[in-house]
Amino acid sequence: MTFIYLAGGVAFFVVSALFVGLCERLRENGQ
């Protein structure tokens, strides 16, 4: 159960990082 929780936390962190990177890229392209 702990492994699943840890994997979920890591996956959430990775998705958040990718989402922020995508927003920054779109913002730069917008300007």
Protein backbone atom coordinates (compact mmCIF):
# COMPACT_ATOMS: atom_id res chain seq x y z
CA MET A 1 0.00 0.00 0.00
CA THR A 2 2.87 2.36 0.79
CA PHE A 3 4.47 1.64 -2.59
CA ILE A 4 1.25 2.53 -4.41
CA TYR A 5 0.96 5.78 -2.45
CA LEU A 6 4.59 6.67 -3.20
CA ALA A 7 4.17 5.85 -6.90
CA GLY A 8 1.06 8.05 -7.02
CA GLY A 9 2.95 10.93 -5.41
CA VAL A 10 5.81 10.63 -7.89
CA ALA A 11 3.40 10.41 -10.84
CA PHE A 12 1.55 13.50 -9.59
CA PHE A 13 4.85 15.41 -9.25
CA VAL A 14 5.91 14.44 -12.79
CA VAL A 15 2.55 15.43 -14.28
CA SER A 16 2.64 18.75 -12.42
CA ALA A 17 6.17 19.47 -13.68
CA LEU A 18 5.16 18.65 -17.27
CA PHE A 19 2.02 20.81 -16.99
CA VAL A 20 4.01 23.80 -15.69
CA GLY A 21 6.59 23.33 -18.45
CA LEU A 22 3.84 23.23 -21.06
CA CYS A 23 2.24 26.41 -19.68
CA GLU A 24 5.60 28.21 -19.76
CA ARG A 25 6.20 27.07 -23.35
CA LEU A 26 2.76 28.25 -24.47
CA ARG A 27 3.29 31.56 -22.68
CA GLU A 28 6.59 32.12 -24.51
CA ASN A 29 4.98 31.23 -27.86
CA GLY A 30 2.10 33.60 -27.11
CA GLN A 31 4.48 36.52 -26.72
